[in-house]
Amino acid sequence: MKILSVLTLSLLSSVAMSSEYFVEARTGVSDEYSKKVQNSVSGKLEGDFKGTNFGLRAGKYIDKHSIHLEYNPSQEVEVKSANEAADVESIFLGYRYNFDNGIYTGAQVGKQSFELKKGPNGVTFPDNPKASGITYGVNVGYKYKFTDIYYVGADFSYNFGSYKDEGPSSTSVTSIEIESSQQLNLVIGIAF
């Protein structure tokens, strides 16, 4: 986590031609986490946790390139049909190449955490199973500048770097793994 912060601050403070800073607020139309749990009683349990979450990004444009730091505070995702719920949190360092027509594409690396609060059928745990780790992925999006400062957009990011942790000894969960995650976002931004 400290390495990502130091790297981002050093990149954001670099001097370059044609550069400006930006801040974006993202609203997740759909945030999804693919979870796999190994349970000593029930065997393997899989499910896609979904939510409509939010986050903040801050970064710097350097000509056609941009770098940013994205923070997504602790928020709830769920599998409604199974009455399962989890808290997720993440921080990412991202890169984008910005085309002249408003389209951008890039990649990100970051740390995610996933804490299972309710298992299938709403079962609770004495100690919540947790998984956290480094993940990475790709993104694509479009932004429309309606002034030199303000813009709106939409983007999609897919993280395919998985992470896994052992379950607490006080539960029947022997391991919990997040295989992938994705976000479909609406974005409001300001460049300065």
N, C-alpha and C. Protein backbone atom coordinates (compact mmCIF):
# COMPACT_ATOMS: atom_id res chain seq x y z
N MET A 1 0.83 -1.18 0.00
CA MET A 1 0.00 0.00 0.00
C MET A 1 0.88 1.25 0.00
N LYS A 2 1.93 1.27 0.84
CA LYS A 2 2.82 2.43 0.89
C LYS A 2 3.56 2.61 -0.42
N ILE A 3 3.94 1.50 -1.05
CA ILE A 3 4.66 1.58 -2.32
C ILE A 3 3.79 2.24 -3.38
N LEU A 4 2.51 1.86 -3.45
CA LEU A 4 1.59 2.47 -4.42
C LEU A 4 1.46 3.97 -4.17
N SER A 5 1.35 4.37 -2.91
CA SER A 5 1.20 5.78 -2.58
C SER A 5 2.43 6.58 -2.95
N VAL A 6 3.62 6.08 -2.63
CA VAL A 6 4.87 6.78 -2.94
C VAL A 6 5.05 6.88 -4.45
N LEU A 7 4.80 5.79 -5.17
CA LEU A 7 4.93 5.79 -6.62
C LEU A 7 3.96 6.80 -7.25
N THR A 8 2.74 6.82 -6.79
CA THR A 8 1.75 7.75 -7.33
C THR A 8 2.15 9.20 -7.06
N LEU A 9 2.57 9.50 -5.84
CA LEU A 9 2.97 10.87 -5.52
C LEU A 9 4.15 11.32 -6.36
N SER A 10 5.12 10.44 -6.57
CA SER A 10 6.27 10.82 -7.39
C SER A 10 5.87 11.02 -8.84
N LEU A 11 4.97 10.19 -9.35
CA LEU A 11 4.51 10.37 -10.73
C LEU A 11 3.67 11.63 -10.87
N LEU A 12 2.82 11.91 -9.90
CA LEU A 12 1.97 13.10 -9.97
C LEU A 12 2.78 14.38 -9.86
N SER A 13 3.93 14.34 -9.21
CA SER A 13 4.72 15.55 -9.04
C SER A 13 5.72 15.75 -10.18
N SER A 14 5.79 14.82 -11.14
CA SER A 14 6.73 14.96 -12.24
C SER A 14 6.35 16.13 -13.14
N VAL A 15 7.36 16.77 -13.71
CA VAL A 15 7.14 17.92 -14.58
C VAL A 15 7.14 17.44 -16.02
N ALA A 16 6.15 17.88 -16.81
CA ALA A 16 6.07 17.50 -18.21
C ALA A 16 5.37 18.60 -18.99
N MET A 17 5.56 18.59 -20.29
CA MET A 17 4.88 19.53 -21.17
C MET A 17 3.40 19.16 -21.23
N SER A 18 2.55 20.13 -21.44
CA SER A 18 1.12 19.91 -21.65
C SER A 18 0.51 18.98 -20.60
N SER A 19 0.61 19.37 -19.35
CA SER A 19 0.07 18.52 -18.29
C SER A 19 -0.95 19.30 -17.46
N GLU A 20 -1.90 18.58 -16.94
CA GLU A 20 -2.88 19.14 -16.02
C GLU A 20 -3.35 18.04 -15.09
N TYR A 21 -3.87 18.44 -13.95
CA TYR A 21 -4.37 17.50 -12.96
C TYR A 21 -5.85 17.26 -13.17
N PHE A 22 -6.37 16.17 -12.61
CA PHE A 22 -7.80 15.90 -12.69
C PHE A 22 -8.27 15.18 -11.44
N VAL A 23 -9.55 15.35 -11.16
CA VAL A 23 -10.23 14.64 -10.07
C VAL A 23 -11.52 14.09 -10.66
N GLU A 24 -11.82 12.84 -10.37
CA GLU A 24 -13.03 12.20 -10.87
C GLU A 24 -13.78 11.52 -9.73
N ALA A 25 -15.09 11.56 -9.81
CA ALA A 25 -15.96 10.78 -8.93
C ALA A 25 -16.60 9.71 -9.80
N ARG A 26 -16.51 8.46 -9.36
CA ARG A 26 -17.11 7.37 -10.13
C ARG A 26 -18.28 6.79 -9.36
N THR A 27 -19.34 6.49 -10.08
CA THR A 27 -20.47 5.76 -9.52
C THR A 27 -20.56 4.45 -10.27
N GLY A 28 -20.43 3.37 -9.56
CA GLY A 28 -20.48 2.06 -10.20
C GLY A 28 -21.90 1.67 -10.55
N VAL A 29 -22.21 1.63 -11.83
CA VAL A 29 -23.50 1.11 -12.27
C VAL A 29 -23.56 -0.37 -11.89
N SER A 30 -22.40 -1.01 -11.96
CA SER A 30 -22.28 -2.41 -11.55
C SER A 30 -20.85 -2.69 -11.11
N ASP A 31 -20.67 -3.09 -9.87
CA ASP A 31 -19.40 -3.60 -9.36
C ASP A 31 -19.62 -5.07 -9.07
N GLU A 32 -18.72 -5.92 -9.53
CA GLU A 32 -18.93 -7.36 -9.38
C GLU A 32 -17.63 -8.05 -8.95
N TYR A 33 -17.76 -8.97 -8.01
CA TYR A 33 -16.63 -9.74 -7.48
C TYR A 33 -16.97 -11.23 -7.58
N SER A 34 -16.15 -12.00 -8.28
CA SER A 34 -16.37 -13.45 -8.40
C SER A 34 -15.64 -14.16 -7.28
N LYS A 35 -16.41 -14.75 -6.36
CA LYS A 35 -15.87 -15.36 -5.15
C LYS A 35 -15.97 -16.88 -5.22
N LYS A 36 -14.94 -17.54 -4.68
CA LYS A 36 -14.97 -19.00 -4.53
C LYS A 36 -14.54 -19.31 -3.10
N VAL A 37 -15.40 -20.04 -2.38
CA VAL A 37 -15.12 -20.43 -1.00
C VAL A 37 -15.01 -21.94 -0.94
N GLN A 38 -14.00 -22.42 -0.24
CA GLN A 38 -13.89 -23.85 0.05
C GLN A 38 -14.39 -24.04 1.48
N ASN A 39 -15.45 -24.84 1.63
CA ASN A 39 -16.09 -25.04 2.92
C ASN A 39 -15.91 -26.50 3.32
N SER A 40 -15.48 -26.75 4.57
CA SER A 40 -15.23 -28.12 5.02
C SER A 40 -16.50 -28.95 5.09
N VAL A 41 -17.67 -28.32 5.18
CA VAL A 41 -18.95 -29.03 5.26
C VAL A 41 -19.63 -29.10 3.90
N SER A 42 -19.74 -27.97 3.21
CA SER A 42 -20.51 -27.88 1.97
C SER A 42 -19.69 -28.03 0.70
N GLY A 43 -18.37 -28.08 0.80
CA GLY A 43 -17.53 -28.16 -0.40
C GLY A 43 -17.30 -26.78 -0.99
N LYS A 44 -17.18 -26.74 -2.33
CA LYS A 44 -16.89 -25.48 -3.01
C LYS A 44 -18.18 -24.69 -3.25
N LEU A 45 -18.16 -23.41 -2.84
CA LEU A 45 -19.30 -22.51 -3.03
C LEU A 45 -18.81 -21.32 -3.85
N GLU A 46 -19.48 -21.06 -4.98
CA GLU A 46 -19.09 -19.95 -5.85
C GLU A 46 -20.24 -18.97 -5.98
N GLY A 47 -19.92 -17.71 -6.23
CA GLY A 47 -20.96 -16.71 -6.43
C GLY A 47 -20.39 -15.39 -6.87
N ASP A 48 -21.22 -14.60 -7.53
CA ASP A 48 -20.84 -13.27 -7.98
C ASP A 48 -21.54 -12.24 -7.09
N PHE A 49 -20.74 -11.51 -6.33
CA PHE A 49 -21.25 -10.45 -5.46
C PHE A 49 -21.35 -9.17 -6.28
N LYS A 50 -22.49 -8.47 -6.16
CA LYS A 50 -22.71 -7.27 -6.96
C LYS A 50 -23.13 -6.10 -6.08
N GLY A 51 -22.81 -4.90 -6.55
CA GLY A 51 -23.21 -3.69 -5.85
C GLY A 51 -23.16 -2.50 -6.79
N THR A 52 -23.65 -1.38 -6.32
CA THR A 52 -23.55 -0.11 -7.06
C THR A 52 -22.74 0.83 -6.18
N ASN A 53 -21.44 0.73 -6.25
CA ASN A 53 -20.55 1.43 -5.34
C ASN A 53 -19.97 2.69 -5.95
N PHE A 54 -19.13 3.38 -5.20
CA PHE A 54 -18.56 4.65 -5.65
C PHE A 54 -17.09 4.71 -5.29
N GLY A 55 -16.38 5.66 -5.91
CA GLY A 55 -14.98 5.86 -5.61
C GLY A 55 -14.50 7.21 -6.11
N LEU A 56 -13.28 7.56 -5.75
CA LEU A 56 -12.65 8.81 -6.17
C LEU A 56 -11.34 8.52 -6.86
N ARG A 57 -11.04 9.32 -7.88
CA ARG A 57 -9.77 9.22 -8.60
C ARG A 57 -9.13 10.60 -8.63
N ALA A 58 -7.81 10.63 -8.52
CA ALA A 58 -7.05 11.87 -8.69
C ALA A 58 -5.82 11.52 -9.51
N GLY A 59 -5.50 12.39 -10.47
CA GLY A 59 -4.36 12.06 -11.31
C GLY A 59 -3.84 13.23 -12.09
N LYS A 60 -3.01 12.89 -13.08
CA LYS A 60 -2.35 13.91 -13.88
C LYS A 60 -2.30 13.46 -15.33
N TYR A 61 -2.65 14.38 -16.23
CA TYR A 61 -2.47 14.16 -17.66
C TYR A 61 -1.06 14.59 -18.03
N ILE A 62 -0.40 13.80 -18.84
CA ILE A 62 0.91 14.14 -19.38
C ILE A 62 0.82 13.88 -20.88
N ASP A 63 0.54 14.93 -21.64
CA ASP A 63 0.25 14.82 -23.07
C ASP A 63 -0.93 13.87 -23.26
N LYS A 64 -0.76 12.78 -24.00
CA LYS A 64 -1.87 11.84 -24.25
C LYS A 64 -1.96 10.75 -23.18
N HIS A 65 -1.09 10.80 -22.21
CA HIS A 65 -1.05 9.79 -21.15
C HIS A 65 -1.64 10.37 -19.87
N SER A 66 -2.13 9.51 -19.02
CA SER A 66 -2.54 9.96 -17.70
C SER A 66 -2.30 8.84 -16.70
N ILE A 67 -2.02 9.24 -15.49
CA ILE A 67 -1.88 8.32 -14.36
C ILE A 67 -2.83 8.80 -13.28
N HIS A 68 -3.32 7.86 -12.48
CA HIS A 68 -4.24 8.25 -11.42
C HIS A 68 -4.19 7.26 -10.27
N LEU A 69 -4.63 7.73 -9.14
CA LEU A 69 -4.83 6.91 -7.96
C LEU A 69 -6.34 6.84 -7.74
N GLU A 70 -6.87 5.63 -7.56
CA GLU A 70 -8.30 5.45 -7.33
C GLU A 70 -8.50 4.82 -5.96
N TYR A 71 -9.40 5.42 -5.17
CA TYR A 71 -9.72 4.87 -3.85
C TYR A 71 -11.21 4.56 -3.80
N ASN A 72 -11.53 3.34 -3.43
CA ASN A 72 -12.91 2.89 -3.26
C ASN A 72 -13.08 2.48 -1.80
N PRO A 73 -13.75 3.32 -0.99
CA PRO A 73 -13.88 3.02 0.44
C PRO A 73 -14.71 1.76 0.68
N SER A 74 -14.69 1.28 1.90
CA SER A 74 -15.41 0.06 2.27
C SER A 74 -16.90 0.22 1.97
N GLN A 75 -17.42 -0.72 1.16
CA GLN A 75 -18.81 -0.71 0.72
C GLN A 75 -19.33 -2.13 0.64
N GLU A 76 -20.64 -2.28 0.63
CA GLU A 76 -21.24 -3.61 0.62
C GLU A 76 -21.59 -4.08 -0.79
N VAL A 77 -21.32 -5.35 -1.04
CA VAL A 77 -21.79 -6.05 -2.24
C VAL A 77 -22.54 -7.28 -1.76
N GLU A 78 -23.40 -7.84 -2.63
CA GLU A 78 -24.22 -8.96 -2.15
C GLU A 78 -24.61 -9.90 -3.29
N VAL A 79 -25.03 -11.10 -2.88
CA VAL A 79 -25.70 -12.04 -3.76
C VAL A 79 -27.13 -12.10 -3.22
N LYS A 80 -28.03 -11.34 -3.82
CA LYS A 80 -29.39 -11.21 -3.28
C LYS A 80 -30.12 -12.54 -3.22
N SER A 81 -29.97 -13.36 -4.26
CA SER A 81 -30.71 -14.63 -4.31
C SER A 81 -30.29 -15.59 -3.20
N ALA A 82 -29.07 -15.47 -2.70
CA ALA A 82 -28.58 -16.36 -1.65
C ALA A 82 -28.50 -15.67 -0.29
N ASN A 83 -28.89 -14.38 -0.22
CA ASN A 83 -28.82 -13.61 1.02
C ASN A 83 -27.40 -13.57 1.59
N GLU A 84 -26.40 -13.42 0.69
CA GLU A 84 -25.00 -13.29 1.10
C GLU A 84 -24.58 -11.83 1.00
N ALA A 85 -23.67 -11.39 1.87
CA ALA A 85 -23.18 -10.02 1.83
C ALA A 85 -21.71 -9.97 2.21
N ALA A 86 -21.01 -9.00 1.63
CA ALA A 86 -19.59 -8.82 1.92
C ALA A 86 -19.25 -7.34 1.84
N ASP A 87 -18.18 -6.94 2.54
CA ASP A 87 -17.63 -5.59 2.42
C ASP A 87 -16.39 -5.66 1.55
N VAL A 88 -16.26 -4.70 0.62
CA VAL A 88 -15.11 -4.64 -0.26
C VAL A 88 -14.48 -3.25 -0.16
N GLU A 89 -13.18 -3.19 -0.39
CA GLU A 89 -12.44 -1.94 -0.37
C GLU A 89 -11.25 -2.10 -1.30
N SER A 90 -10.83 -1.01 -1.97
CA SER A 90 -9.69 -1.14 -2.88
C SER A 90 -9.01 0.20 -3.11
N ILE A 91 -7.75 0.11 -3.54
CA ILE A 91 -6.97 1.26 -3.98
C ILE A 91 -6.18 0.81 -5.20
N PHE A 92 -6.17 1.64 -6.25
CA PHE A 92 -5.51 1.29 -7.50
C PHE A 92 -4.61 2.42 -7.98
N LEU A 93 -3.55 2.04 -8.67
CA LEU A 93 -2.72 2.95 -9.45
C LEU A 93 -3.03 2.62 -10.90
N GLY A 94 -3.51 3.61 -11.66
CA GLY A 94 -3.94 3.36 -13.02
C GLY A 94 -3.20 4.18 -14.05
N TYR A 95 -3.16 3.67 -15.26
CA TYR A 95 -2.57 4.35 -16.42
C TYR A 95 -3.60 4.34 -17.55
N ARG A 96 -3.65 5.44 -18.31
CA ARG A 96 -4.53 5.51 -19.48
C ARG A 96 -3.78 6.15 -20.64
N TYR A 97 -4.07 5.66 -21.84
CA TYR A 97 -3.68 6.36 -23.05
C TYR A 97 -4.95 7.00 -23.59
N ASN A 98 -4.92 8.32 -23.79
CA ASN A 98 -6.10 9.09 -24.19
C ASN A 98 -6.04 9.43 -25.68
N PHE A 99 -6.98 8.90 -26.45
CA PHE A 99 -7.07 9.21 -27.87
C PHE A 99 -7.76 10.56 -28.05
N ASP A 100 -7.58 11.18 -29.21
CA ASP A 100 -8.14 12.51 -29.47
C ASP A 100 -9.66 12.54 -29.45
N ASN A 101 -10.32 11.43 -29.73
CA ASN A 101 -11.78 11.40 -29.83
C ASN A 101 -12.49 11.15 -28.49
N GLY A 102 -11.77 11.19 -27.37
CA GLY A 102 -12.37 11.01 -26.06
C GLY A 102 -12.28 9.59 -25.52
N ILE A 103 -11.89 8.65 -26.36
CA ILE A 103 -11.75 7.26 -25.92
C ILE A 103 -10.39 7.09 -25.23
N TYR A 104 -10.36 6.27 -24.18
CA TYR A 104 -9.10 5.94 -23.53
C TYR A 104 -9.06 4.46 -23.20
N THR A 105 -7.86 3.96 -23.07
CA THR A 105 -7.65 2.57 -22.68
C THR A 105 -6.41 2.51 -21.79
N GLY A 106 -6.36 1.54 -20.90
CA GLY A 106 -5.22 1.49 -20.00
C GLY A 106 -5.20 0.25 -19.14
N ALA A 107 -4.49 0.36 -18.02
CA ALA A 107 -4.31 -0.76 -17.11
C ALA A 107 -4.22 -0.22 -15.69
N GLN A 108 -4.41 -1.11 -14.73
CA GLN A 108 -4.31 -0.73 -13.33
C GLN A 108 -3.77 -1.89 -12.50
N VAL A 109 -3.16 -1.54 -11.38
CA VAL A 109 -2.72 -2.51 -10.39
C VAL A 109 -3.09 -1.95 -9.03
N GLY A 110 -3.50 -2.83 -8.13
CA GLY A 110 -3.90 -2.32 -6.83
C GLY A 110 -4.12 -3.41 -5.81
N LYS A 111 -4.59 -2.97 -4.66
CA LYS A 111 -4.87 -3.89 -3.56
C LYS A 111 -6.37 -3.86 -3.27
N GLN A 112 -6.96 -5.05 -3.16
CA GLN A 112 -8.38 -5.19 -2.83
C GLN A 112 -8.52 -6.01 -1.55
N SER A 113 -9.60 -5.75 -0.83
CA SER A 113 -9.94 -6.60 0.31
C SER A 113 -11.42 -6.97 0.21
N PHE A 114 -11.73 -8.16 0.69
CA PHE A 114 -13.08 -8.73 0.62
C PHE A 114 -13.34 -9.41 1.96
N GLU A 115 -14.40 -8.99 2.67
CA GLU A 115 -14.75 -9.59 3.96
C GLU A 115 -16.18 -10.12 3.88
N LEU A 116 -16.32 -11.43 3.99
CA LEU A 116 -17.63 -12.08 3.92
C LEU A 116 -18.36 -11.87 5.25
N LYS A 117 -19.47 -11.11 5.23
CA LYS A 117 -20.24 -10.83 6.44
C LYS A 117 -21.36 -11.83 6.66
N LYS A 118 -21.97 -12.27 5.55
CA LYS A 118 -23.05 -13.27 5.62
C LYS A 118 -22.82 -14.30 4.53
N GLY A 119 -22.88 -15.57 4.91
CA GLY A 119 -22.76 -16.66 3.95
C GLY A 119 -24.11 -17.01 3.36
N PRO A 120 -24.19 -18.14 2.64
CA PRO A 120 -25.46 -18.55 2.03
C PRO A 120 -26.59 -18.61 3.06
N ASN A 121 -27.76 -18.17 2.65
CA ASN A 121 -28.96 -18.12 3.49
C ASN A 121 -28.79 -17.24 4.72
N GLY A 122 -27.90 -16.25 4.63
CA GLY A 122 -27.74 -15.28 5.70
C GLY A 122 -26.96 -15.75 6.91
N VAL A 123 -26.29 -16.91 6.82
CA VAL A 123 -25.52 -17.41 7.96
C VAL A 123 -24.42 -16.41 8.32
N THR A 124 -24.23 -16.19 9.62
CA THR A 124 -23.17 -15.29 10.09
C THR A 124 -22.04 -16.11 10.70
N PHE A 125 -20.90 -15.46 10.89
CA PHE A 125 -19.69 -16.15 11.36
C PHE A 125 -19.19 -15.52 12.65
N PRO A 126 -18.57 -16.32 13.55
CA PRO A 126 -17.95 -15.72 14.73
C PRO A 126 -16.78 -14.82 14.34
N ASP A 127 -16.04 -15.22 13.31
CA ASP A 127 -14.95 -14.42 12.71
C ASP A 127 -15.20 -14.40 11.21
N ASN A 128 -15.38 -13.23 10.63
CA ASN A 128 -15.68 -13.14 9.21
C ASN A 128 -14.50 -13.60 8.35
N PRO A 129 -14.74 -14.50 7.38
CA PRO A 129 -13.68 -14.88 6.44
C PRO A 129 -13.29 -13.67 5.59
N LYS A 130 -11.98 -13.49 5.40
CA LYS A 130 -11.47 -12.33 4.66
C LYS A 130 -10.42 -12.78 3.65
N ALA A 131 -10.34 -12.02 2.57
CA ALA A 131 -9.27 -12.22 1.59
C ALA A 131 -8.82 -10.84 1.14
N SER A 132 -7.52 -10.67 0.97
CA SER A 132 -7.00 -9.42 0.43
C SER A 132 -5.73 -9.73 -0.34
N GLY A 133 -5.45 -8.89 -1.31
CA GLY A 133 -4.25 -9.10 -2.09
C GLY A 133 -4.15 -8.15 -3.26
N ILE A 134 -3.08 -8.33 -4.01
CA ILE A 134 -2.80 -7.51 -5.19
C ILE A 134 -3.58 -8.07 -6.37
N THR A 135 -4.19 -7.17 -7.12
CA THR A 135 -4.88 -7.54 -8.36
C THR A 135 -4.49 -6.56 -9.45
N TYR A 136 -4.78 -6.90 -10.67
CA TYR A 136 -4.39 -6.07 -11.82
C TYR A 136 -5.37 -6.32 -12.95
N GLY A 137 -5.44 -5.37 -13.87
CA GLY A 137 -6.37 -5.54 -14.97
C GLY A 137 -6.27 -4.45 -16.01
N VAL A 138 -7.30 -4.35 -16.83
CA VAL A 138 -7.35 -3.42 -17.95
C VAL A 138 -8.61 -2.56 -17.85
N ASN A 139 -8.59 -1.42 -18.55
CA ASN A 139 -9.76 -0.55 -18.56
C ASN A 139 -9.92 0.13 -19.91
N VAL A 140 -11.14 0.52 -20.21
CA VAL A 140 -11.46 1.26 -21.43
C VAL A 140 -12.60 2.21 -21.09
N GLY A 141 -12.61 3.37 -21.72
CA GLY A 141 -13.66 4.32 -21.41
C GLY A 141 -13.78 5.43 -22.42
N TYR A 142 -14.74 6.30 -22.16
CA TYR A 142 -14.99 7.46 -23.02
C TYR A 142 -15.33 8.64 -22.13
N LYS A 143 -14.78 9.80 -22.47
CA LYS A 143 -15.14 11.01 -21.73
C LYS A 143 -15.53 12.10 -22.72
N TYR A 144 -16.50 12.89 -22.32
CA TYR A 144 -16.99 14.00 -23.12
C TYR A 144 -16.76 15.28 -22.33
N LYS A 145 -15.88 16.15 -22.87
CA LYS A 145 -15.61 17.44 -22.22
C LYS A 145 -16.64 18.44 -22.71
N PHE A 146 -17.48 18.95 -21.79
CA PHE A 146 -18.44 19.95 -22.22
C PHE A 146 -17.95 21.36 -21.94
N THR A 147 -16.82 21.50 -21.25
CA THR A 147 -16.06 22.75 -21.15
C THR A 147 -14.59 22.35 -21.10
N ASP A 148 -13.70 23.33 -21.01
CA ASP A 148 -12.27 23.00 -20.88
C ASP A 148 -11.95 22.38 -19.53
N ILE A 149 -12.86 22.53 -18.59
CA ILE A 149 -12.61 22.05 -17.23
C ILE A 149 -13.44 20.82 -16.87
N TYR A 150 -14.72 20.83 -17.20
CA TYR A 150 -15.64 19.78 -16.74
C TYR A 150 -15.89 18.73 -17.81
N TYR A 151 -16.03 17.48 -17.37
CA TYR A 151 -16.34 16.40 -18.31
C TYR A 151 -17.15 15.31 -17.61
N VAL A 152 -17.81 14.51 -18.42
CA VAL A 152 -18.54 13.33 -17.95
C VAL A 152 -18.06 12.16 -18.80
N GLY A 153 -18.29 10.96 -18.32
CA GLY A 153 -17.85 9.80 -19.09
C GLY A 153 -18.38 8.50 -18.52
N ALA A 154 -17.93 7.45 -19.14
CA ALA A 154 -18.25 6.09 -18.71
C ALA A 154 -17.03 5.23 -18.95
N ASP A 155 -16.80 4.26 -18.08
CA ASP A 155 -15.68 3.35 -18.31
C ASP A 155 -15.97 1.97 -17.74
N PHE A 156 -15.16 1.03 -18.18
CA PHE A 156 -15.26 -0.37 -17.74
C PHE A 156 -13.87 -0.83 -17.38
N SER A 157 -13.72 -1.45 -16.23
CA SER A 157 -12.43 -2.03 -15.84
C SER A 157 -12.66 -3.48 -15.42
N TYR A 158 -11.70 -4.31 -15.77
CA TYR A 158 -11.75 -5.73 -15.45
C TYR A 158 -10.43 -6.11 -14.81
N ASN A 159 -10.49 -6.66 -13.59
CA ASN A 159 -9.30 -7.09 -12.86
C ASN A 159 -9.28 -8.61 -12.81
N PHE A 160 -8.26 -9.21 -13.42
CA PHE A 160 -8.19 -10.66 -13.48
C PHE A 160 -7.14 -11.24 -12.56
N GLY A 161 -6.44 -10.42 -11.81
CA GLY A 161 -5.50 -10.92 -10.82
C GLY A 161 -6.25 -11.42 -9.60
N SER A 162 -6.14 -12.71 -9.29
CA SER A 162 -6.90 -13.28 -8.17
C SER A 162 -6.07 -13.25 -6.89
N TYR A 163 -6.75 -13.33 -5.76
CA TYR A 163 -6.09 -13.40 -4.46
C TYR A 163 -6.89 -14.32 -3.55
N LYS A 164 -6.19 -14.96 -2.60
CA LYS A 164 -6.79 -16.00 -1.79
C LYS A 164 -6.21 -15.96 -0.38
N ASP A 165 -7.05 -16.25 0.62
CA ASP A 165 -6.60 -16.36 2.01
C ASP A 165 -7.29 -17.55 2.66
N GLU A 166 -6.69 -18.03 3.73
CA GLU A 166 -7.29 -19.12 4.51
C GLU A 166 -8.44 -18.57 5.35
N GLY A 167 -9.43 -19.40 5.60
CA GLY A 167 -10.55 -19.00 6.44
C GLY A 167 -10.18 -19.07 7.91
N PRO A 168 -10.91 -18.36 8.77
CA PRO A 168 -10.64 -18.43 10.21
C PRO A 168 -10.92 -19.83 10.76
N SER A 169 -10.15 -20.24 11.74
CA SER A 169 -10.30 -21.59 12.30
C SER A 169 -11.64 -21.76 13.03
N SER A 170 -12.29 -20.66 13.38
CA SER A 170 -13.57 -20.74 14.10
C SER A 170 -14.76 -20.98 13.17
N THR A 171 -14.52 -21.11 11.86
CA THR A 171 -15.60 -21.33 10.89
C THR A 171 -15.31 -22.57 10.06
N SER A 172 -16.29 -22.99 9.27
CA SER A 172 -16.09 -24.12 8.36
C SER A 172 -15.48 -23.69 7.03
N VAL A 173 -15.21 -22.39 6.87
CA VAL A 173 -14.58 -21.87 5.65
C VAL A 173 -13.08 -22.16 5.73
N THR A 174 -12.59 -23.01 4.82
CA THR A 174 -11.15 -23.32 4.83
C THR A 174 -10.35 -22.35 3.97
N SER A 175 -10.96 -21.79 2.91
CA SER A 175 -10.29 -20.76 2.11
C SER A 175 -11.33 -19.91 1.38
N ILE A 176 -10.93 -18.70 1.06
CA ILE A 176 -11.77 -17.78 0.30
C ILE A 176 -10.90 -17.13 -0.76
N GLU A 177 -11.39 -17.13 -2.00
CA GLU A 177 -10.63 -16.59 -3.13
C GLU A 177 -11.51 -15.66 -3.96
N ILE A 178 -10.94 -14.53 -4.34
CA ILE A 178 -11.59 -13.64 -5.31
C ILE A 178 -10.88 -13.89 -6.63
N GLU A 179 -11.62 -14.44 -7.59
CA GLU A 179 -11.02 -14.82 -8.87
C GLU A 179 -10.90 -13.65 -9.83
N SER A 180 -11.85 -12.71 -9.78
CA SER A 180 -11.82 -11.53 -10.65
C SER A 180 -12.80 -10.50 -10.11
N SER A 181 -12.67 -9.29 -10.63
CA SER A 181 -13.63 -8.23 -10.28
C SER A 181 -13.76 -7.31 -11.48
N GLN A 182 -14.89 -6.62 -11.54
CA GLN A 182 -15.11 -5.69 -12.65
C GLN A 182 -16.00 -4.54 -12.20
N GLN A 183 -15.85 -3.41 -12.91
CA GLN A 183 -16.64 -2.21 -12.63
C GLN A 183 -17.15 -1.64 -13.95
N LEU A 184 -18.40 -1.23 -13.97
CA LEU A 184 -18.97 -0.43 -15.05
C LEU A 184 -19.37 0.89 -14.40
N ASN A 185 -18.73 1.99 -14.81
CA ASN A 185 -18.84 3.26 -14.10
C ASN A 185 -19.40 4.40 -14.93
N LEU A 186 -20.09 5.30 -14.28
CA LEU A 186 -20.37 6.63 -14.79
C LEU A 186 -19.42 7.57 -14.05
N VAL A 187 -18.84 8.53 -14.77
CA VAL A 187 -17.78 9.37 -14.21
C VAL A 187 -18.11 10.84 -14.41
N ILE A 188 -17.86 11.64 -13.39
CA ILE A 188 -17.90 13.10 -13.48
C ILE A 188 -16.51 13.59 -13.09
N GLY A 189 -15.92 14.47 -13.92
CA GLY A 189 -14.56 14.90 -13.65
C GLY A 189 -14.35 16.38 -13.84
N ILE A 190 -13.23 16.84 -13.27
CA ILE A 190 -12.79 18.22 -13.41
C ILE A 190 -11.29 18.19 -13.67
N ALA A 191 -10.84 18.96 -14.67
CA ALA A 191 -9.41 19.06 -14.98
C ALA A 191 -8.96 20.48 -14.65
N PHE A 192 -7.77 20.61 -14.07
CA PHE A 192 -7.28 21.95 -13.70
C PHE A 192 -5.77 22.03 -13.85
